[in-house]
Amino acid sequence: MSTRESISDTGLVGREAELASLTSALDAACELGPCLVVLTGDAGVGKSRLAREIASRARTRGMITLQGDCVELSGGEIPYGPLAAAIRELDADVMAEVVEELPAAARRQLARAFPGLPFASDSMGLAGDELTQAELFGWLLLFLGGVSSSVPLLVTIEDVQWADASTRDFLLFLSQQMRSERLCVLATLRSNELSAEHPVRPMVERLASQRSRSAARVGSVVTSRCGAARARHPGRAASARVHAAPV
């Protein structure tokens, strides 16, 4: 499906640049390797609609699509809340097959971090040494890589301005540690809510700083503006790519 055809079908007129940038990220995840996309803009400008269209395009490409929403809470954070919500959308048979291939240690630790998700059987004890965050993130990336080993995967995390600290740290981990997984992570962010003291701002600034790095783990940065005639593509490189696409 071409960008022009899909725009006429969806009514996303004036978003050719954004759709092209995001669709290229999908194609990269299918053919070249992992990417992380941050779609930023003020509330109400259409980020969620773009994300839904990209999820639709992903499904037409045969990709698995999962989504988790960050929720603004007044009584504290739920660690990994949007990630748990996304994993719950995974087909039960696919989940069981991927979990079966994980090491026992990974299954135990993921079950402890994500209670209620079928990472471990009832007969498997969950006791064990405390795991560092980096080790847990490594197991979680291994799981996502297992899901995407046979079919490319799109994970959408909506409203990252409300993300809990664990989810923010995992997104940063992905931007540095993804290698060969056929995985595209799309995060939407309300930029107008990021005050100077906002807890999400350090994550956004660290992701933005990767634009100028030459390390192999960070590749192209794609920027586009709502209504712009074209997107900028300042450099293309290998492995995991961080895309920033403001609308």
Protein backbone atom coordinates (compact mmCIF):
# COMPACT_ATOMS: atom_id res chain seq x y z
CA MET A 1 0.00 0.00 0.00
CA SER A 2 1.52 3.32 -1.02
CA THR A 3 1.50 6.44 1.14
CA ARG A 4 -0.71 8.23 -1.39
CA GLU A 5 -3.25 5.41 -1.47
CA SER A 6 -3.42 5.11 2.32
CA ILE A 7 -3.82 8.85 2.79
CA SER A 8 -6.85 8.90 0.54
CA ASP A 9 -8.28 5.96 2.47
CA THR A 10 -7.66 7.30 5.98
CA GLY A 11 -8.17 11.03 5.52
CA LEU A 12 -4.72 11.83 6.95
CA VAL A 13 -4.28 14.67 4.48
CA GLY A 14 -1.16 16.79 5.04
CA ARG A 15 0.66 14.04 6.95
CA GLU A 16 2.60 12.58 4.03
CA ALA A 17 5.98 13.34 5.61
CA GLU A 18 5.09 11.83 8.97
CA LEU A 19 3.55 8.73 7.39
CA ALA A 20 6.56 8.24 5.14
CA SER A 21 8.98 8.56 8.06
CA LEU A 22 7.04 6.17 10.27
CA THR A 23 6.44 3.68 7.47
CA SER A 24 10.16 3.63 6.72
CA ALA A 25 10.72 2.70 10.36
CA LEU A 26 8.39 -0.28 9.93
CA ASP A 27 10.19 -1.39 6.80
CA ALA A 28 13.53 -1.04 8.58
CA ALA A 29 12.32 -3.24 11.45
CA CYS A 30 11.19 -5.87 8.95
CA GLU A 31 14.33 -5.83 6.82
CA LEU A 32 17.26 -4.11 8.52
CA GLY A 33 16.85 -4.43 12.29
CA PRO A 34 15.35 -2.66 15.30
CA CYS A 35 14.32 0.96 15.66
CA LEU A 36 12.89 3.27 18.30
CA VAL A 37 10.57 6.07 17.21
CA VAL A 38 9.43 8.95 19.42
CA LEU A 39 6.44 10.80 17.96
CA THR A 40 6.12 14.17 19.70
CA GLY A 41 3.62 17.01 19.54
CA ASP A 42 1.06 18.99 21.50
CA ALA A 43 -2.10 17.33 22.77
CA GLY A 44 -4.75 16.92 20.08
CA VAL A 45 -2.56 17.29 16.99
CA GLY A 46 -3.12 13.71 15.86
CA LYS A 47 -0.28 11.59 17.28
CA SER A 48 -2.61 8.75 18.31
CA ARG A 49 -4.30 8.75 14.91
CA LEU A 50 -0.93 8.49 13.21
CA ALA A 51 0.06 5.70 15.57
CA ARG A 52 -3.14 3.80 14.76
CA GLU A 53 -2.50 4.17 11.03
CA ILE A 54 1.06 2.89 11.46
CA ALA A 55 -0.25 -0.08 13.45
CA SER A 56 -2.67 -0.79 10.61
CA ARG A 57 0.17 -0.66 8.09
CA ALA A 58 2.21 -2.97 10.30
CA ARG A 59 -0.58 -5.54 10.31
CA THR A 60 -0.84 -5.39 6.51
CA ARG A 61 2.87 -6.26 6.48
CA GLY A 62 2.17 -9.30 8.64
CA MET A 63 3.70 -7.78 11.77
CA ILE A 64 2.52 -8.46 15.30
CA THR A 65 1.21 -5.25 16.87
CA LEU A 66 0.99 -4.62 20.61
CA GLN A 67 0.04 -1.43 22.47
CA GLY A 68 0.26 -0.20 26.04
CA ASP A 69 -0.91 3.18 27.31
CA CYS A 70 0.75 5.20 30.04
CA VAL A 71 -1.79 6.49 32.57
CA GLU A 72 -1.53 9.58 34.74
CA LEU A 73 -1.97 8.45 38.34
CA SER A 74 -2.34 10.58 41.45
CA GLY A 75 -1.32 7.83 43.87
CA GLY A 76 2.08 6.78 42.53
CA GLU A 77 3.43 4.70 39.67
CA ILE A 78 2.81 1.16 38.44
CA PRO A 79 6.21 -0.17 37.33
CA TYR A 80 6.22 -1.35 33.72
CA GLY A 81 2.48 -0.63 33.46
CA PRO A 82 2.32 0.08 29.70
CA LEU A 83 4.73 -2.75 28.91
CA ALA A 84 2.58 -5.22 30.86
CA ALA A 85 -0.51 -3.96 29.05
CA ALA A 86 1.20 -4.45 25.69
CA ILE A 87 2.35 -7.98 26.52
CA ARG A 88 -1.19 -8.92 27.57
CA GLU A 89 -2.29 -8.33 23.96
CA LEU A 90 0.06 -11.02 22.69
CA ASP A 91 -1.63 -14.15 21.34
CA ALA A 92 -1.64 -16.84 24.06
CA ASP A 93 -0.11 -19.48 21.80
CA VAL A 94 2.70 -17.16 20.71
CA MET A 95 3.29 -16.18 24.34
CA ALA A 96 3.52 -19.81 25.45
CA GLU A 97 5.87 -20.72 22.59
CA VAL A 98 8.27 -17.83 23.26
CA VAL A 99 8.23 -18.31 27.04
CA GLU A 100 9.01 -22.00 26.60
CA GLU A 101 12.27 -21.07 24.86
CA LEU A 102 13.41 -18.69 27.63
CA PRO A 103 15.92 -19.83 30.26
CA ALA A 104 14.34 -20.78 33.58
CA ALA A 105 16.02 -17.82 35.28
CA ALA A 106 14.48 -15.44 32.77
CA ARG A 107 11.03 -16.92 33.27
CA ARG A 108 11.27 -16.61 37.05
CA GLN A 109 12.51 -13.03 37.04
CA LEU A 110 10.04 -11.85 34.42
CA ALA A 111 7.22 -13.48 36.39
CA ARG A 112 8.33 -11.55 39.47
CA ALA A 113 8.46 -8.26 37.56
CA PHE A 114 5.20 -8.88 35.68
CA PRO A 115 2.81 -10.62 38.09
CA GLY A 116 -0.29 -11.90 36.37
CA LEU A 117 1.47 -12.60 33.08
CA PRO A 118 2.21 -16.26 32.20
CA PHE A 119 5.98 -16.15 32.33
CA ALA A 120 6.19 -19.02 34.80
CA SER A 121 4.07 -22.05 35.63
CA ASP A 122 2.45 -22.42 39.04
CA SER A 123 4.93 -25.17 39.88
CA MET A 124 7.97 -22.98 39.20
CA GLY A 125 9.31 -21.32 42.31
CA LEU A 126 9.83 -17.58 41.98
CA ALA A 127 12.31 -17.19 44.81
CA GLY A 128 15.84 -16.21 43.91
CA ASP A 129 18.49 -13.56 44.14
CA GLU A 130 17.49 -9.99 43.46
CA LEU A 131 18.11 -9.09 39.85
CA THR A 132 19.65 -5.82 38.78
CA GLN A 133 17.58 -3.61 36.51
CA ALA A 134 20.00 -4.15 33.63
CA GLU A 135 19.68 -7.93 33.96
CA LEU A 136 15.90 -7.72 34.03
CA PHE A 137 15.93 -5.46 30.99
CA GLY A 138 18.14 -7.98 29.23
CA TRP A 139 15.62 -10.77 29.87
CA LEU A 140 12.77 -8.56 28.68
CA LEU A 141 14.62 -7.71 25.48
CA LEU A 142 15.33 -11.40 25.00
CA PHE A 143 11.60 -12.07 25.29
CA LEU A 144 10.71 -9.36 22.77
CA GLY A 145 13.40 -10.66 20.46
CA GLY A 146 11.87 -14.11 20.73
CA VAL A 147 8.46 -12.75 19.78
CA SER A 148 9.94 -11.01 16.75
CA SER A 149 12.19 -13.89 15.69
CA SER A 150 9.66 -15.30 13.23
CA VAL A 151 7.33 -12.31 12.72
CA PRO A 152 8.40 -8.63 13.01
CA LEU A 153 6.93 -6.80 16.01
CA LEU A 154 5.58 -3.27 16.53
CA VAL A 155 5.15 -2.15 20.15
CA THR A 156 3.35 1.18 20.62
CA ILE A 157 3.61 3.00 23.95
CA GLU A 158 1.16 5.90 24.13
CA ASP A 159 1.51 9.05 26.26
CA VAL A 160 5.08 8.56 27.42
CA GLN A 161 4.88 11.88 29.28
CA TRP A 162 3.11 9.81 31.99
CA ALA A 163 5.47 6.83 31.84
CA ASP A 164 6.72 5.34 35.09
CA ALA A 165 10.44 5.41 35.85
CA SER A 166 10.95 1.72 34.99
CA THR A 167 9.36 2.13 31.56
CA ARG A 168 11.42 5.25 30.85
CA ASP A 169 14.61 3.44 31.77
CA PHE A 170 13.67 0.47 29.59
CA LEU A 171 13.13 2.71 26.56
CA LEU A 172 16.61 4.14 27.08
CA PHE A 173 17.97 0.61 27.44
CA LEU A 174 16.35 -0.38 24.15
CA SER A 175 17.86 2.59 22.35
CA GLN A 176 21.33 1.39 23.33
CA GLN A 177 21.06 -2.39 23.40
CA MET A 178 18.83 -3.49 20.52
CA ARG A 179 20.88 -5.20 17.85
CA SER A 180 19.27 -7.63 15.42
CA GLU A 181 15.69 -7.92 16.71
CA ARG A 182 12.99 -7.30 14.10
CA LEU A 183 11.38 -4.85 16.48
CA CYS A 184 9.96 -1.34 16.09
CA VAL A 185 9.03 0.58 19.24
CA LEU A 186 6.81 3.63 18.70
CA ALA A 187 6.32 6.02 21.62
CA THR A 188 4.00 9.04 21.56
CA LEU A 189 4.72 12.06 23.71
CA ARG A 190 2.89 15.30 24.51
CA SER A 191 5.72 17.78 24.22
CA ASN A 192 3.69 20.69 25.61
CA GLU A 193 3.53 18.97 29.01
CA LEU A 194 7.29 18.73 29.50
CA SER A 195 8.24 21.41 31.98
CA ALA A 196 11.88 21.94 32.90
CA GLU A 197 11.42 19.70 35.96
CA HIS A 198 9.32 17.01 34.27
CA PRO A 199 10.68 13.52 35.07
CA VAL A 200 10.42 12.45 31.41
CA ARG A 201 12.59 15.31 30.15
CA PRO A 202 15.95 13.60 30.94
CA MET A 203 14.87 10.58 28.88
CA VAL A 204 13.87 12.79 25.95
CA GLU A 205 17.14 14.73 26.16
CA ARG A 206 19.21 11.55 26.26
CA LEU A 207 17.42 10.15 23.23
CA ALA A 208 17.86 13.45 21.41
CA SER A 209 21.57 13.47 22.22
CA GLN A 210 21.99 10.22 20.34
CA ARG A 211 21.28 12.05 17.08
CA SER A 212 24.85 13.32 16.95
CA ARG A 213 26.56 10.10 17.99
CA SER A 214 28.41 7.99 15.48
CA ALA A 215 28.18 4.74 17.44
CA ALA A 216 26.71 1.85 15.48
CA ARG A 217 23.84 1.37 17.88
CA VAL A 218 22.32 4.69 16.83
CA GLY A 219 21.50 5.34 13.22
CA SER A 220 19.30 7.75 11.38
CA VAL A 221 17.21 10.46 12.95
CA VAL A 222 14.04 11.39 11.11
CA THR A 223 12.39 14.70 11.85
CA SER A 224 9.21 16.08 10.35
CA ARG A 225 6.72 18.85 11.02
CA CYS A 226 2.97 18.79 10.65
CA GLY A 227 2.21 20.08 7.17
CA ALA A 228 5.87 20.05 6.11
CA ALA A 229 6.53 19.18 2.51
CA ARG A 230 9.28 16.71 3.36
CA ALA A 231 11.25 15.13 6.20
CA ARG A 232 14.93 15.50 6.93
CA HIS A 233 17.11 12.39 7.01
CA PRO A 234 20.48 13.50 8.47
CA GLY A 235 22.50 10.34 8.22
CA ARG A 236 21.81 6.63 8.02
CA ALA A 237 23.70 3.99 9.94
CA ALA A 238 23.43 0.44 11.15
CA SER A 239 21.74 -1.44 13.99
CA ALA A 240 19.16 0.19 16.26
CA ARG A 241 17.92 3.53 15.02
CA VAL A 242 16.42 6.32 17.09
CA HIS A 243 13.89 8.35 15.17
CA ALA A 244 12.39 11.56 16.53
CA ALA A 245 9.32 12.62 14.57
CA PRO A 246 7.66 15.74 15.99
CA VAL A 247 4.21 16.62 14.60
